[in-house]
Protein backbone atom coordinates (compact mmCIF):
# COMPACT_ATOMS: atom_id res chain seq x y z
CA UNK A 1 0.00 0.00 0.00
CA UNK A 2 1.33 3.46 -0.85
CA UNK A 3 1.87 6.22 1.68
CA UNK A 4 -1.09 8.18 0.32
CA UNK A 5 -3.37 5.16 0.67
CA UNK A 6 -2.30 4.44 4.25
CA UNK A 7 -2.59 8.12 5.19
CA UNK A 8 -6.10 8.33 3.65
CA UNK A 9 -7.16 5.13 5.41
CA UNK A 10 -5.88 6.36 8.79
CA UNK A 11 -7.67 9.70 8.42
CA UNK A 12 -10.90 8.00 7.29
CA UNK A 13 -10.84 5.51 10.17
CA UNK A 14 -10.21 8.25 12.75
CA UNK A 15 -13.05 10.32 11.30
CA UNK A 16 -15.36 7.25 11.34
CA UNK A 17 -14.56 6.64 15.02
CA UNK A 18 -15.55 10.19 16.00
CA UNK A 19 -18.62 10.79 13.82
CA UNK A 20 -21.60 8.98 12.41
CA UNK A 21 -22.70 9.01 8.78
CA UNK A 22 -25.85 10.89 9.71
CA UNK A 23 -23.99 13.68 11.49
CA UNK A 24 -21.55 13.97 8.60
CA UNK A 25 -24.39 14.12 6.05
CA UNK A 26 -26.26 16.63 8.21
CA UNK A 27 -23.25 18.93 8.38
CA UNK A 28 -22.50 18.52 4.70
CA UNK A 29 -26.14 19.26 3.80
CA UNK A 30 -26.18 22.33 6.03
CA UNK A 31 -23.02 23.69 4.44
CA UNK A 32 -24.29 23.03 0.92
CA UNK A 33 -27.71 24.56 1.60
CA UNK A 34 -26.17 27.58 3.32
CA UNK A 35 -23.74 28.09 0.48
CA UNK A 36 -26.52 27.82 -2.09
CA UNK A 37 -28.80 30.23 -0.18
CA UNK A 38 -26.13 32.87 0.53
CA UNK A 39 -26.52 34.66 -2.86
CA UNK A 40 -30.22 35.06 -2.13
CA UNK A 41 -29.52 37.37 0.83
CA UNK A 42 -28.53 40.56 -1.02
CA UNK A 43 -31.26 43.02 -1.75
CA UNK A 44 -29.69 46.04 -3.34
CA UNK A 45 -26.22 45.27 -4.63
CA UNK A 46 -24.49 48.51 -5.40
CA UNK A 47 -27.68 50.53 -5.19
CA UNK A 48 -27.08 54.14 -5.99
CA UNK A 49 -29.04 57.05 -4.72
CA UNK A 50 -31.83 58.26 -6.98
CA UNK A 51 -31.03 61.38 -8.99
CA UNK A 52 -32.99 64.56 -8.32
CA UNK A 53 -33.40 64.35 -4.56
CA UNK A 54 -36.84 65.19 -3.21
CA UNK A 55 -37.19 68.02 -0.74
CA UNK A 56 -35.39 66.68 2.29
CA UNK A 57 -36.88 68.10 5.53
CA UNK A 58 -35.45 67.37 8.93
CA UNK A 59 -32.13 66.93 10.67
CA UNK A 60 -30.11 63.94 9.40
CA UNK A 61 -28.26 63.75 12.73
CA UNK A 62 -31.55 63.07 14.56
CA UNK A 63 -33.05 59.58 14.84
CA UNK A 64 -36.49 61.02 14.00
CA UNK A 65 -35.32 62.05 10.51
CA UNK A 66 -37.82 60.66 7.99
CA UNK A 67 -35.35 58.42 6.09
CA UNK A 68 -34.45 56.48 9.23
CA UNK A 69 -37.80 54.68 9.65
CA UNK A 70 -36.10 51.25 9.27
CA UNK A 71 -32.74 52.19 10.78
CA UNK A 72 -30.77 50.19 13.32
CA UNK A 73 -27.28 51.44 14.14
CA UNK A 74 -25.15 54.54 14.54
CA UNK A 75 -25.97 57.32 12.07
CA UNK A 76 -23.21 58.00 9.54
CA UNK A 77 -24.31 61.63 9.42
CA UNK A 78 -22.96 61.96 13.01
CA UNK A 79 -19.78 59.99 12.30
CA UNK A 80 -18.18 61.87 9.41
CA UNK A 81 -20.39 60.62 6.58
CA UNK A 82 -23.77 61.71 5.22
CA UNK A 83 -27.21 60.16 4.89
CA UNK A 84 -26.01 58.37 1.75
CA UNK A 85 -22.21 58.09 2.06
CA UNK A 86 -19.81 56.42 4.45
CA UNK A 87 -17.23 58.22 6.61
CA UNK A 88 -13.61 58.29 5.41
CA UNK A 89 -11.79 55.02 6.10
CA UNK A 90 -14.92 52.89 5.78
CA UNK A 91 -16.68 51.30 2.84
CA UNK A 92 -20.37 50.56 2.25
CA UNK A 93 -21.56 47.00 2.68
CA UNK A 94 -22.03 45.33 -0.69
CA UNK A 95 -25.45 44.13 0.45
CA UNK A 96 -28.13 46.04 2.31
CA UNK A 97 -31.62 45.96 3.74
CA UNK A 98 -34.45 48.09 2.44
CA UNK A 99 -37.35 50.02 3.84
CA UNK A 100 -40.09 52.32 2.65
CA UNK A 101 -40.36 55.69 4.39
CA UNK A 102 -42.82 58.54 3.88
CA UNK A 103 -41.32 61.97 3.18
CA UNK A 104 -43.40 64.54 5.10
CA UNK A 105 -42.53 67.28 2.57
CA UNK A 106 -44.25 65.69 -0.45
CA UNK A 107 -46.20 62.91 1.34
CA UNK A 108 -44.70 60.25 -1.00
CA UNK A 109 -43.21 56.92 0.01
CA UNK A 110 -39.56 56.33 -0.96
CA UNK A 111 -37.59 53.09 -1.08
CA UNK A 112 -34.57 53.49 1.19
CA UNK A 113 -31.47 51.31 0.97
CA UNK A 114 -29.76 51.04 4.35
CA UNK A 115 -26.05 50.25 4.11
CA UNK A 116 -23.75 49.44 6.99
CA UNK A 117 -20.39 51.19 6.60
CA UNK A 118 -17.64 48.68 7.31
CA UNK A 119 -14.01 48.83 8.32
CA UNK A 120 -13.73 50.71 11.63
CA UNK A 121 -15.05 50.07 15.10
CA UNK A 122 -18.57 51.27 15.87
CA UNK A 123 -19.14 54.99 16.05
CA UNK A 124 -20.44 55.72 19.57
CA UNK A 125 -22.51 58.78 18.58
CA UNK A 126 -26.14 59.02 17.43
CA UNK A 127 -27.35 55.46 17.86
CA UNK A 128 -30.76 54.96 16.29
CA UNK A 129 -33.12 51.99 16.46
CA UNK A 130 -36.40 52.38 14.60
CA UNK A 131 -38.10 49.27 13.39
CA UNK A 132 -41.01 50.61 11.33
CA UNK A 133 -41.79 48.07 8.61
CA UNK A 134 -38.86 45.83 9.50
CA UNK A 135 -39.44 42.14 8.89
CA UNK A 136 -38.34 39.14 10.91
CA UNK A 137 -34.77 37.86 10.60
CA UNK A 138 -35.90 34.95 8.41
CA UNK A 139 -36.83 37.59 5.79
CA UNK A 140 -33.33 39.05 5.47
CA UNK A 141 -34.20 41.67 2.85
CA UNK A 142 -36.40 43.45 5.39
CA UNK A 143 -34.39 42.73 8.53
CA UNK A 144 -32.09 45.26 10.17
CA UNK A 145 -30.80 42.71 12.71
CA UNK A 146 -28.19 41.21 10.36
CA UNK A 147 -24.54 42.24 10.19
CA UNK A 148 -24.54 43.28 6.52
CA UNK A 149 -20.74 43.76 6.62
CA UNK A 150 -20.24 39.99 6.51
CA UNK A 151 -20.14 40.23 2.70
CA UNK A 152 -17.18 42.65 2.88
CA UNK A 153 -13.53 41.85 3.50
CA UNK A 154 -13.64 43.80 6.79
CA UNK A 155 -16.75 42.76 8.73
CA UNK A 156 -16.60 45.46 11.44
CA UNK A 157 -19.61 47.82 11.42
CA UNK A 158 -18.97 51.54 11.92
CA UNK A 159 -22.32 53.18 11.13
CA UNK A 160 -25.34 52.97 8.82
CA UNK A 161 -26.66 55.32 6.15
CA UNK A 162 -29.96 55.65 4.30
CA UNK A 163 -29.86 56.29 0.55
CA UNK A 164 -33.02 56.93 -1.46
CA UNK A 165 -33.13 54.49 -4.38
CA UNK A 166 -36.55 55.30 -5.81
CA UNK A 167 -40.15 56.30 -5.32
CA UNK A 168 -42.26 53.45 -3.98
CA UNK A 169 -45.08 52.32 -6.26
CA UNK A 170 -48.06 50.18 -5.42
CA UNK A 171 -48.17 46.73 -7.05
CA UNK A 172 -50.73 46.12 -9.78
CA UNK A 173 -53.04 43.48 -8.28
C-alpha atoms as a PDB file:
ATOM      1  CA  UNK A   1       0.000   0.000   0.000  1.00  0.00           C
ATOM      2  CA  UNK A   2       1.334   3.456  -0.853  1.00  0.00           C
ATOM      3  CA  UNK A   3       1.874   6.221   1.679  1.00  0.00           C
ATOM      4  CA  UNK A   4      -1.088   8.181   0.318  1.00  0.00           C
ATOM      5  CA  UNK A   5      -3.370   5.155   0.671  1.00  0.00           C
ATOM      6  CA  UNK A   6      -2.297   4.440   4.250  1.00  0.00           C
ATOM      7  CA  UNK A   7      -2.595   8.118   5.190  1.00  0.00           C
ATOM      8  CA  UNK A   8      -6.097   8.331   3.651  1.00  0.00           C
ATOM      9  CA  UNK A   9      -7.156   5.126   5.405  1.00  0.00           C
ATOM     10  CA  UNK A  10      -5.876   6.360   8.786  1.00  0.00           C
ATOM     11  CA  UNK A  11      -7.671   9.702   8.420  1.00  0.00           C
ATOM     12  CA  UNK A  12     -10.898   7.997   7.286  1.00  0.00           C
ATOM     13  CA  UNK A  13     -10.845   5.509  10.168  1.00  0.00           C
ATOM     14  CA  UNK A  14     -10.208   8.253  12.749  1.00  0.00           C
ATOM     15  CA  UNK A  15     -13.049  10.317  11.298  1.00  0.00           C
ATOM     16  CA  UNK A  16     -15.355   7.249  11.337  1.00  0.00           C
ATOM     17  CA  UNK A  17     -14.560   6.636  15.021  1.00  0.00           C
ATOM     18  CA  UNK A  18     -15.551  10.185  16.001  1.00  0.00           C
ATOM     19  CA  UNK A  19     -18.618  10.794  13.818  1.00  0.00           C
ATOM     20  CA  UNK A  20     -21.603   8.978  12.413  1.00  0.00           C
ATOM     21  CA  UNK A  21     -22.696   9.007   8.783  1.00  0.00           C
ATOM     22  CA  UNK A  22     -25.846  10.889   9.714  1.00  0.00           C
ATOM     23  CA  UNK A  23     -23.994  13.684  11.487  1.00  0.00           C
ATOM     24  CA  UNK A  24     -21.554  13.970   8.598  1.00  0.00           C
ATOM     25  CA  UNK A  25     -24.389  14.117   6.049  1.00  0.00           C
ATOM     26  CA  UNK A  26     -26.258  16.632   8.209  1.00  0.00           C
ATOM     27  CA  UNK A  27     -23.246  18.930   8.382  1.00  0.00           C
ATOM     28  CA  UNK A  28     -22.501  18.518   4.695  1.00  0.00           C
ATOM     29  CA  UNK A  29     -26.140  19.259   3.799  1.00  0.00           C
ATOM     30  CA  UNK A  30     -26.178  22.325   6.032  1.00  0.00           C
ATOM     31  CA  UNK A  31     -23.023  23.688   4.441  1.00  0.00           C
ATOM     32  CA  UNK A  32     -24.288  23.029   0.922  1.00  0.00           C
ATOM     33  CA  UNK A  33     -27.709  24.558   1.597  1.00  0.00           C
ATOM     34  CA  UNK A  34     -26.174  27.581   3.321  1.00  0.00           C
ATOM     35  CA  UNK A  35     -23.738  28.093   0.481  1.00  0.00           C
ATOM     36  CA  UNK A  36     -26.518  27.817  -2.089  1.00  0.00           C
ATOM     37  CA  UNK A  37     -28.796  30.231  -0.182  1.00  0.00           C
ATOM     38  CA  UNK A  38     -26.133  32.870   0.527  1.00  0.00           C
ATOM     39  CA  UNK A  39     -26.520  34.659  -2.856  1.00  0.00           C
ATOM     40  CA  UNK A  40     -30.222  35.065  -2.133  1.00  0.00           C
ATOM     41  CA  UNK A  41     -29.522  37.374   0.830  1.00  0.00           C
ATOM     42  CA  UNK A  42     -28.529  40.559  -1.016  1.00  0.00           C
ATOM     43  CA  UNK A  43     -31.264  43.022  -1.753  1.00  0.00           C
ATOM     44  CA  UNK A  44     -29.689  46.037  -3.339  1.00  0.00           C
ATOM     45  CA  UNK A  45     -26.223  45.270  -4.632  1.00  0.00           C
ATOM     46  CA  UNK A  46     -24.485  48.515  -5.402  1.00  0.00           C
ATOM     47  CA  UNK A  47     -27.681  50.529  -5.193  1.00  0.00           C
ATOM     48  CA  UNK A  48     -27.077  54.141  -5.995  1.00  0.00           C
ATOM     49  CA  UNK A  49     -29.040  57.050  -4.719  1.00  0.00           C
ATOM     50  CA  UNK A  50     -31.831  58.260  -6.977  1.00  0.00           C
ATOM     51  CA  UNK A  51     -31.031  61.382  -8.993  1.00  0.00           C
ATOM     52  CA  UNK A  52     -32.988  64.563  -8.320  1.00  0.00           C
ATOM     53  CA  UNK A  53     -33.402  64.348  -4.565  1.00  0.00           C
ATOM     54  CA  UNK A  54     -36.836  65.187  -3.214  1.00  0.00           C
ATOM     55  CA  UNK A  55     -37.195  68.021  -0.744  1.00  0.00           C
ATOM     56  CA  UNK A  56     -35.392  66.683   2.293  1.00  0.00           C
ATOM     57  CA  UNK A  57     -36.875  68.101   5.531  1.00  0.00           C
ATOM     58  CA  UNK A  58     -35.446  67.367   8.928  1.00  0.00           C
ATOM     59  CA  UNK A  59     -32.133  66.925  10.668  1.00  0.00           C
ATOM     60  CA  UNK A  60     -30.108  63.939   9.399  1.00  0.00           C
ATOM     61  CA  UNK A  61     -28.257  63.754  12.731  1.00  0.00           C
ATOM     62  CA  UNK A  62     -31.546  63.067  14.563  1.00  0.00           C
ATOM     63  CA  UNK A  63     -33.049  59.582  14.836  1.00  0.00           C
ATOM     64  CA  UNK A  64     -36.491  61.019  13.998  1.00  0.00           C
ATOM     65  CA  UNK A  65     -35.320  62.049  10.509  1.00  0.00           C
ATOM     66  CA  UNK A  66     -37.816  60.659   7.993  1.00  0.00           C
ATOM     67  CA  UNK A  67     -35.353  58.415   6.089  1.00  0.00           C
ATOM     68  CA  UNK A  68     -34.455  56.479   9.234  1.00  0.00           C
ATOM     69  CA  UNK A  69     -37.798  54.677   9.647  1.00  0.00           C
ATOM     70  CA  UNK A  70     -36.098  51.248   9.267  1.00  0.00           C
ATOM     71  CA  UNK A  71     -32.742  52.191  10.778  1.00  0.00           C
ATOM     72  CA  UNK A  72     -30.771  50.191  13.315  1.00  0.00           C
ATOM     73  CA  UNK A  73     -27.276  51.440  14.136  1.00  0.00           C
ATOM     74  CA  UNK A  74     -25.148  54.537  14.539  1.00  0.00           C
ATOM     75  CA  UNK A  75     -25.974  57.321  12.072  1.00  0.00           C
ATOM     76  CA  UNK A  76     -23.208  57.996   9.540  1.00  0.00           C
ATOM     77  CA  UNK A  77     -24.313  61.634   9.422  1.00  0.00           C
ATOM     78  CA  UNK A  78     -22.962  61.956  13.005  1.00  0.00           C
ATOM     79  CA  UNK A  79     -19.780  59.989  12.301  1.00  0.00           C
ATOM     80  CA  UNK A  80     -18.178  61.872   9.406  1.00  0.00           C
ATOM     81  CA  UNK A  81     -20.387  60.620   6.577  1.00  0.00           C
ATOM     82  CA  UNK A  82     -23.770  61.709   5.222  1.00  0.00           C
ATOM     83  CA  UNK A  83     -27.208  60.161   4.893  1.00  0.00           C
ATOM     84  CA  UNK A  84     -26.009  58.368   1.749  1.00  0.00           C
ATOM     85  CA  UNK A  85     -22.209  58.088   2.061  1.00  0.00           C
ATOM     86  CA  UNK A  86     -19.810  56.418   4.454  1.00  0.00           C
ATOM     87  CA  UNK A  87     -17.227  58.222   6.609  1.00  0.00           C
ATOM     88  CA  UNK A  88     -13.605  58.287   5.411  1.00  0.00           C
ATOM     89  CA  UNK A  89     -11.792  55.019   6.100  1.00  0.00           C
ATOM     90  CA  UNK A  90     -14.916  52.893   5.778  1.00  0.00           C
ATOM     91  CA  UNK A  91     -16.677  51.299   2.836  1.00  0.00           C
ATOM     92  CA  UNK A  92     -20.374  50.563   2.246  1.00  0.00           C
ATOM     93  CA  UNK A  93     -21.557  47.000   2.681  1.00  0.00           C
ATOM     94  CA  UNK A  94     -22.027  45.325  -0.686  1.00  0.00           C
ATOM     95  CA  UNK A  95     -25.447  44.126   0.454  1.00  0.00           C
ATOM     96  CA  UNK A  96     -28.133  46.043   2.311  1.00  0.00           C
ATOM     97  CA  UNK A  97     -31.623  45.956   3.742  1.00  0.00           C
ATOM     98  CA  UNK A  98     -34.451  48.095   2.438  1.00  0.00           C
ATOM     99  CA  UNK A  99     -37.354  50.021   3.843  1.00  0.00           C
ATOM    100  CA  UNK A 100     -40.087  52.321   2.650  1.00  0.00           C
ATOM    101  CA  UNK A 101     -40.364  55.686   4.395  1.00  0.00           C
ATOM    102  CA  UNK A 102     -42.817  58.544   3.882  1.00  0.00           C
ATOM    103  CA  UNK A 103     -41.321  61.969   3.180  1.00  0.00           C
ATOM    104  CA  UNK A 104     -43.400  64.541   5.096  1.00  0.00           C
ATOM    105  CA  UNK A 105     -42.529  67.280   2.568  1.00  0.00           C
ATOM    106  CA  UNK A 106     -44.247  65.691  -0.451  1.00  0.00           C
ATOM    107  CA  UNK A 107     -46.201  62.912   1.336  1.00  0.00           C
ATOM    108  CA  UNK A 108     -44.696  60.249  -0.996  1.00  0.00           C
ATOM    109  CA  UNK A 109     -43.207  56.923   0.007  1.00  0.00           C
ATOM    110  CA  UNK A 110     -39.564  56.334  -0.961  1.00  0.00           C
ATOM    111  CA  UNK A 111     -37.592  53.085  -1.076  1.00  0.00           C
ATOM    112  CA  UNK A 112     -34.568  53.486   1.185  1.00  0.00           C
ATOM    113  CA  UNK A 113     -31.470  51.306   0.969  1.00  0.00           C
ATOM    114  CA  UNK A 114     -29.758  51.041   4.347  1.00  0.00           C
ATOM    115  CA  UNK A 115     -26.052  50.249   4.114  1.00  0.00           C
ATOM    116  CA  UNK A 116     -23.749  49.443   6.986  1.00  0.00           C
ATOM    117  CA  UNK A 117     -20.389  51.185   6.605  1.00  0.00           C
ATOM    118  CA  UNK A 118     -17.642  48.679   7.307  1.00  0.00           C
ATOM    119  CA  UNK A 119     -14.006  48.833   8.316  1.00  0.00           C
ATOM    120  CA  UNK A 120     -13.730  50.714  11.631  1.00  0.00           C
ATOM    121  CA  UNK A 121     -15.052  50.068  15.104  1.00  0.00           C
ATOM    122  CA  UNK A 122     -18.567  51.269  15.865  1.00  0.00           C
ATOM    123  CA  UNK A 123     -19.138  54.993  16.053  1.00  0.00           C
ATOM    124  CA  UNK A 124     -20.444  55.717  19.575  1.00  0.00           C
ATOM    125  CA  UNK A 125     -22.508  58.777  18.577  1.00  0.00           C
ATOM    126  CA  UNK A 126     -26.142  59.023  17.429  1.00  0.00           C
ATOM    127  CA  UNK A 127     -27.352  55.460  17.856  1.00  0.00           C
ATOM    128  CA  UNK A 128     -30.763  54.960  16.293  1.00  0.00           C
ATOM    129  CA  UNK A 129     -33.115  51.988  16.459  1.00  0.00           C
ATOM    130  CA  UNK A 130     -36.398  52.384  14.604  1.00  0.00           C
ATOM    131  CA  UNK A 131     -38.105  49.265  13.387  1.00  0.00           C
ATOM    132  CA  UNK A 132     -41.007  50.611  11.332  1.00  0.00           C
ATOM    133  CA  UNK A 133     -41.792  48.066   8.614  1.00  0.00           C
ATOM    134  CA  UNK A 134     -38.865  45.834   9.500  1.00  0.00           C
ATOM    135  CA  UNK A 135     -39.437  42.144   8.888  1.00  0.00           C
ATOM    136  CA  UNK A 136     -38.335  39.138  10.909  1.00  0.00           C
ATOM    137  CA  UNK A 137     -34.769  37.857  10.600  1.00  0.00           C
ATOM    138  CA  UNK A 138     -35.899  34.945   8.408  1.00  0.00           C
ATOM    139  CA  UNK A 139     -36.832  37.587   5.792  1.00  0.00           C
ATOM    140  CA  UNK A 140     -33.328  39.053   5.466  1.00  0.00           C
ATOM    141  CA  UNK A 141     -34.200  41.670   2.852  1.00  0.00           C
ATOM    142  CA  UNK A 142     -36.405  43.455   5.385  1.00  0.00           C
ATOM    143  CA  UNK A 143     -34.391  42.731   8.534  1.00  0.00           C
ATOM    144  CA  UNK A 144     -32.095  45.263  10.174  1.00  0.00           C
ATOM    145  CA  UNK A 145     -30.795  42.712  12.706  1.00  0.00           C
ATOM    146  CA  UNK A 146     -28.186  41.208  10.365  1.00  0.00           C
ATOM    147  CA  UNK A 147     -24.542  42.242  10.193  1.00  0.00           C
ATOM    148  CA  UNK A 148     -24.540  43.276   6.522  1.00  0.00           C
ATOM    149  CA  UNK A 149     -20.745  43.763   6.623  1.00  0.00           C
ATOM    150  CA  UNK A 150     -20.237  39.986   6.509  1.00  0.00           C
ATOM    151  CA  UNK A 151     -20.143  40.233   2.701  1.00  0.00           C
ATOM    152  CA  UNK A 152     -17.185  42.652   2.883  1.00  0.00           C
ATOM    153  CA  UNK A 153     -13.530  41.848   3.497  1.00  0.00           C
ATOM    154  CA  UNK A 154     -13.639  43.803   6.786  1.00  0.00           C
ATOM    155  CA  UNK A 155     -16.753  42.761   8.732  1.00  0.00           C
ATOM    156  CA  UNK A 156     -16.596  45.459  11.438  1.00  0.00           C
ATOM    157  CA  UNK A 157     -19.609  47.818  11.416  1.00  0.00           C
ATOM    158  CA  UNK A 158     -18.965  51.536  11.920  1.00  0.00           C
ATOM    159  CA  UNK A 159     -22.316  53.180  11.135  1.00  0.00           C
ATOM    160  CA  UNK A 160     -25.337  52.968   8.823  1.00  0.00           C
ATOM    161  CA  UNK A 161     -26.664  55.317   6.155  1.00  0.00           C
ATOM    162  CA  UNK A 162     -29.956  55.653   4.297  1.00  0.00           C
ATOM    163  CA  UNK A 163     -29.860  56.287   0.545  1.00  0.00           C
ATOM    164  CA  UNK A 164     -33.020  56.926  -1.461  1.00  0.00           C
ATOM    165  CA  UNK A 165     -33.131  54.488  -4.383  1.00  0.00           C
ATOM    166  CA  UNK A 166     -36.548  55.299  -5.807  1.00  0.00           C
ATOM    167  CA  UNK A 167     -40.145  56.302  -5.322  1.00  0.00           C
ATOM    168  CA  UNK A 168     -42.258  53.450  -3.978  1.00  0.00           C
ATOM    169  CA  UNK A 169     -45.078  52.322  -6.261  1.00  0.00           C
ATOM    170  CA  UNK A 170     -48.056  50.175  -5.420  1.00  0.00           C
ATOM    171  CA  UNK A 171     -48.167  46.731  -7.047  1.00  0.00           C
ATOM    172  CA  UNK A 172     -50.733  46.123  -9.778  1.00  0.00           C
ATOM    173  CA  UNK A 173     -53.042  43.483  -8.275  1.00  0.00           C
END
